Amino acid sequence: MYDVMLAEAILAAHLVIIAFNVAGLGVIPIGAVLRWRIVRVAWLRLLHLALLAIVAGQALAGRACILTIWQSELQGGTAAPPPLIMHVIDQLIYWNFPLWVFTVLYVAVFLYVVALVVLVPFWGPHRVDVKNLNL
């Protein structure tokens, strides 16, 4: 029972990380055009870059995401089937393609984010003063 609960917590964390990474791919260029101050917050941009670097690095190393591995191990040790919502979310985020497809995709996305760092810098004269950021 605790294994299923922990697997669900890992899946929830995985979903939040995926949403953050995917949202950043669109929010950063759109925010730059619309002059949103949030896209100049350095720690958010560095977190986005670091998470995608980890994903691309794991793919280049031929490994699945560590969260995927942990979730699979926890689900494999239980006799009870996972809850329906967990099954539905699994189908949304785990696609049945060869690993090389994901490697190409993740590296391309990482390179896109590196390009965004150059095209939409979060340092220099446009740097946001986080203390005065009104969110």
C-alpha atoms as a PDB file:
ATOM      1  CA  MET A   1       0.000   0.000   0.000  1.00  0.00           C
ATOM      2  CA  TYR A   2       2.803   2.425   0.860  1.00  0.00           C
ATOM      3  CA  ASP A   3       4.531   1.531  -2.393  1.00  0.00           C
ATOM      4  CA  VAL A   4       1.478   2.603  -4.386  1.00  0.00           C
ATOM      5  CA  MET A   5       1.179   5.846  -2.418  1.00  0.00           C
ATOM      6  CA  LEU A   6       4.853   6.625  -2.948  1.00  0.00           C
ATOM      7  CA  ALA A   7       4.549   5.768  -6.655  1.00  0.00           C
ATOM      8  CA  GLU A   8       1.600   8.181  -6.874  1.00  0.00           C
ATOM      9  CA  ALA A   9       3.633  10.911  -5.153  1.00  0.00           C
ATOM     10  CA  ILE A  10       6.512  10.345  -7.582  1.00  0.00           C
ATOM     11  CA  LEU A  11       4.080  10.481 -10.505  1.00  0.00           C
ATOM     12  CA  ALA A  12       2.636  13.756  -9.179  1.00  0.00           C
ATOM     13  CA  ALA A  13       6.133  15.260  -8.835  1.00  0.00           C
ATOM     14  CA  HIS A  14       6.993  14.004 -12.316  1.00  0.00           C
ATOM     15  CA  LEU A  15       3.863  15.639 -13.716  1.00  0.00           C
ATOM     16  CA  VAL A  16       4.699  18.982 -12.068  1.00  0.00           C
ATOM     17  CA  ILE A  17       8.241  18.879 -13.483  1.00  0.00           C
ATOM     18  CA  ILE A  18       6.968  18.011 -16.963  1.00  0.00           C
ATOM     19  CA  ALA A  19       4.396  20.823 -16.813  1.00  0.00           C
ATOM     20  CA  PHE A  20       7.064  23.306 -15.677  1.00  0.00           C
ATOM     21  CA  ASN A  21       9.437  22.271 -18.451  1.00  0.00           C
ATOM     22  CA  VAL A  22       6.804  22.308 -21.195  1.00  0.00           C
ATOM     23  CA  ALA A  23       5.267  25.590 -20.012  1.00  0.00           C
ATOM     24  CA  GLY A  24       8.675  27.257 -20.038  1.00  0.00           C
ATOM     25  CA  LEU A  25       9.147  26.384 -23.700  1.00  0.00           C
ATOM     26  CA  GLY A  26       6.275  28.671 -24.638  1.00  0.00           C
ATOM     27  CA  VAL A  27       6.127  31.136 -21.758  1.00  0.00           C
ATOM     28  CA  ILE A  28       9.712  32.344 -22.217  1.00  0.00           C
ATOM     29  CA  PRO A  29       9.445  33.497 -25.858  1.00  0.00           C
ATOM     30  CA  ILE A  30       5.882  34.775 -25.440  1.00  0.00           C
ATOM     31  CA  GLY A  31       6.839  36.545 -22.221  1.00  0.00           C
ATOM     32  CA  ALA A  32       9.824  38.145 -23.922  1.00  0.00           C
ATOM     33  CA  VAL A  33       7.611  39.584 -26.649  1.00  0.00           C
ATOM     34  CA  LEU A  34       5.017  40.769 -24.122  1.00  0.00           C
ATOM     35  CA  ARG A  35       7.749  42.032 -21.745  1.00  0.00           C
ATOM     36  CA  TRP A  36       6.703  39.831 -18.835  1.00  0.00           C
ATOM     37  CA  ARG A  37       9.130  40.314 -15.992  1.00  0.00           C
ATOM     38  CA  ILE A  38       8.813  36.699 -14.877  1.00  0.00           C
ATOM     39  CA  VAL A  39      10.873  35.501 -17.869  1.00  0.00           C
ATOM     40  CA  ARG A  40      13.836  37.500 -16.562  1.00  0.00           C
ATOM     41  CA  VAL A  41      13.894  35.788 -13.138  1.00  0.00           C
ATOM     42  CA  ALA A  42      17.277  34.076 -13.148  1.00  0.00           C
ATOM     43  CA  TRP A  43      16.597  31.243 -10.693  1.00  0.00           C
ATOM     44  CA  LEU A  44      13.480  30.129 -12.609  1.00  0.00           C
ATOM     45  CA  ARG A  45      15.331  30.150 -15.915  1.00  0.00           C
ATOM     46  CA  LEU A  46      18.344  28.343 -14.440  1.00  0.00           C
ATOM     47  CA  LEU A  47      16.060  25.715 -12.874  1.00  0.00           C
ATOM     48  CA  HIS A  48      14.366  25.220 -16.246  1.00  0.00           C
ATOM     49  CA  LEU A  49      17.720  24.879 -17.986  1.00  0.00           C
ATOM     50  CA  ALA A  50      19.080  22.494 -15.328  1.00  0.00           C
ATOM     51  CA  LEU A  51      16.033  20.217 -15.391  1.00  0.00           C
ATOM     52  CA  LEU A  52      16.171  19.938 -19.163  1.00  0.00           C
ATOM     53  CA  ALA A  53      19.938  19.340 -19.023  1.00  0.00           C
ATOM     54  CA  ILE A  54      19.325  16.430 -16.642  1.00  0.00           C
ATOM     55  CA  VAL A  55      16.630  14.981 -18.919  1.00  0.00           C
ATOM     56  CA  ALA A  56      18.829  15.293 -22.030  1.00  0.00           C
ATOM     57  CA  GLY A  57      21.862  13.927 -20.176  1.00  0.00           C
ATOM     58  CA  GLN A  58      19.975  10.874 -18.967  1.00  0.00           C
ATOM     59  CA  ALA A  59      18.694  10.231 -22.480  1.00  0.00           C
ATOM     60  CA  LEU A  60      22.198  10.573 -23.959  1.00  0.00           C
ATOM     61  CA  ALA A  61      23.439   8.115 -21.319  1.00  0.00           C
ATOM     62  CA  GLY A  62      20.753   5.659 -22.454  1.00  0.00           C
ATOM     63  CA  ARG A  63      18.898   5.822 -19.153  1.00  0.00           C
ATOM     64  CA  ALA A  64      15.274   6.511 -18.418  1.00  0.00           C
ATOM     65  CA  CYS A  65      14.377   9.348 -16.076  1.00  0.00           C
ATOM     66  CA  ILE A  66      15.168   8.468 -12.468  1.00  0.00           C
ATOM     67  CA  LEU A  67      11.584   9.303 -11.480  1.00  0.00           C
ATOM     68  CA  THR A  68      10.311   6.848 -14.088  1.00  0.00           C
ATOM     69  CA  ILE A  69      12.641   4.152 -12.769  1.00  0.00           C
ATOM     70  CA  TRP A  70      11.567   4.711  -9.145  1.00  0.00           C
ATOM     71  CA  GLN A  71       7.892   4.726 -10.069  1.00  0.00           C
ATOM     72  CA  SER A  72       8.225   1.503 -12.079  1.00  0.00           C
ATOM     73  CA  GLU A  73      10.064  -0.247  -9.268  1.00  0.00           C
ATOM     74  CA  LEU A  74       7.422   0.779  -6.749  1.00  0.00           C
ATOM     75  CA  GLN A  75       4.550  -0.269  -9.011  1.00  0.00           C
ATOM     76  CA  GLY A  76       6.182  -3.589  -9.864  1.00  0.00           C
ATOM     77  CA  GLY A  77       6.308  -4.699  -6.243  1.00  0.00           C
ATOM     78  CA  THR A  78       2.565  -4.452  -5.614  1.00  0.00           C
ATOM     79  CA  ALA A  79      -0.131  -7.024  -6.247  1.00  0.00           C
ATOM     80  CA  ALA A  80      -2.931  -4.445  -6.499  1.00  0.00           C
ATOM     81  CA  PRO A  81      -3.440  -2.597  -9.797  1.00  0.00           C
ATOM     82  CA  PRO A  82      -2.636   1.124  -9.782  1.00  0.00           C
ATOM     83  CA  PRO A  83      -5.540   3.576  -9.436  1.00  0.00           C
ATOM     84  CA  LEU A  84      -7.298   4.548 -12.672  1.00  0.00           C
ATOM     85  CA  ILE A  85      -6.067   8.160 -12.634  1.00  0.00           C
ATOM     86  CA  MET A  86      -2.497   6.917 -12.311  1.00  0.00           C
ATOM     87  CA  HIS A  87      -3.030   4.649 -15.306  1.00  0.00           C
ATOM     88  CA  VAL A  88      -4.490   7.499 -17.400  1.00  0.00           C
ATOM     89  CA  ILE A  89      -1.651   9.880 -16.527  1.00  0.00           C
ATOM     90  CA  ASP A  90       0.909   7.150 -17.250  1.00  0.00           C
ATOM     91  CA  GLN A  91      -0.541   6.817 -20.760  1.00  0.00           C
ATOM     92  CA  LEU A  92      -0.282  10.585 -21.286  1.00  0.00           C
ATOM     93  CA  ILE A  93       3.361  10.946 -20.267  1.00  0.00           C
ATOM     94  CA  TYR A  94       4.901   7.581 -21.167  1.00  0.00           C
ATOM     95  CA  TRP A  95       4.904   7.058 -24.929  1.00  0.00           C
ATOM     96  CA  ASN A  96       5.835   3.779 -26.591  1.00  0.00           C
ATOM     97  CA  PHE A  97       8.734   4.903 -28.801  1.00  0.00           C
ATOM     98  CA  PRO A  98      12.329   3.705 -28.988  1.00  0.00           C
ATOM     99  CA  LEU A  99      14.769   5.440 -26.641  1.00  0.00           C
ATOM    100  CA  TRP A 100      16.613   7.117 -29.522  1.00  0.00           C
ATOM    101  CA  VAL A 101      13.450   9.088 -30.403  1.00  0.00           C
ATOM    102  CA  PHE A 102      13.345  10.530 -26.904  1.00  0.00           C
ATOM    103  CA  THR A 103      17.075  11.227 -26.978  1.00  0.00           C
ATOM    104  CA  VAL A 104      16.740  13.279 -30.171  1.00  0.00           C
ATOM    105  CA  LEU A 105      13.666  15.071 -28.808  1.00  0.00           C
ATOM    106  CA  TYR A 106      15.210  15.872 -25.413  1.00  0.00           C
ATOM    107  CA  VAL A 107      18.497  17.085 -26.884  1.00  0.00           C
ATOM    108  CA  ALA A 108      16.628  19.268 -29.398  1.00  0.00           C
ATOM    109  CA  VAL A 109      14.481  20.755 -26.621  1.00  0.00           C
ATOM    110  CA  PHE A 110      17.566  21.360 -24.475  1.00  0.00           C
ATOM    111  CA  LEU A 111      19.304  23.149 -27.363  1.00  0.00           C
ATOM    112  CA  TYR A 112      16.157  25.241 -27.865  1.00  0.00           C
ATOM    113  CA  VAL A 113      16.269  26.275 -24.193  1.00  0.00           C
ATOM    114  CA  VAL A 114      19.971  27.139 -24.504  1.00  0.00           C
ATOM    115  CA  ALA A 115      19.040  29.316 -27.496  1.00  0.00           C
ATOM    116  CA  LEU A 116      16.331  30.966 -25.368  1.00  0.00           C
ATOM    117  CA  VAL A 117      18.972  31.806 -22.757  1.00  0.00           C
ATOM    118  CA  VAL A 118      20.890  33.667 -25.464  1.00  0.00           C
ATOM    119  CA  LEU A 119      17.867  35.232 -27.186  1.00  0.00           C
ATOM    120  CA  VAL A 120      15.990  36.116 -23.983  1.00  0.00           C
ATOM    121  CA  PRO A 121      18.767  36.737 -21.456  1.00  0.00           C
ATOM    122  CA  PHE A 122      17.975  36.980 -17.782  1.00  0.00           C
ATOM    123  CA  TRP A 123      21.090  38.999 -16.952  1.00  0.00           C
ATOM    124  CA  GLY A 124      22.360  42.430 -17.877  1.00  0.00           C
ATOM    125  CA  PRO A 125      20.258  45.578 -18.207  1.00  0.00           C
ATOM    126  CA  HIS A 126      16.986  43.642 -18.411  1.00  0.00           C
ATOM    127  CA  ARG A 127      17.594  41.738 -15.196  1.00  0.00           C
ATOM    128  CA  VAL A 128      14.595  41.616 -12.866  1.00  0.00           C
ATOM    129  CA  ASP A 129      14.853  42.845  -9.295  1.00  0.00           C
ATOM    130  CA  VAL A 130      13.152  39.909  -7.543  1.00  0.00           C
ATOM    131  CA  LYS A 131      12.465  42.007  -4.439  1.00  0.00           C
ATOM    132  CA  ASN A 132      10.247  44.335  -6.466  1.00  0.00           C
ATOM    133  CA  LEU A 133       8.566  41.601  -8.518  1.00  0.00           C
ATOM    134  CA  ASN A 134       4.799  41.828  -8.204  1.00  0.00           C
ATOM    135  CA  LEU A 135       3.405  38.389  -8.926  1.00  0.00           C
END
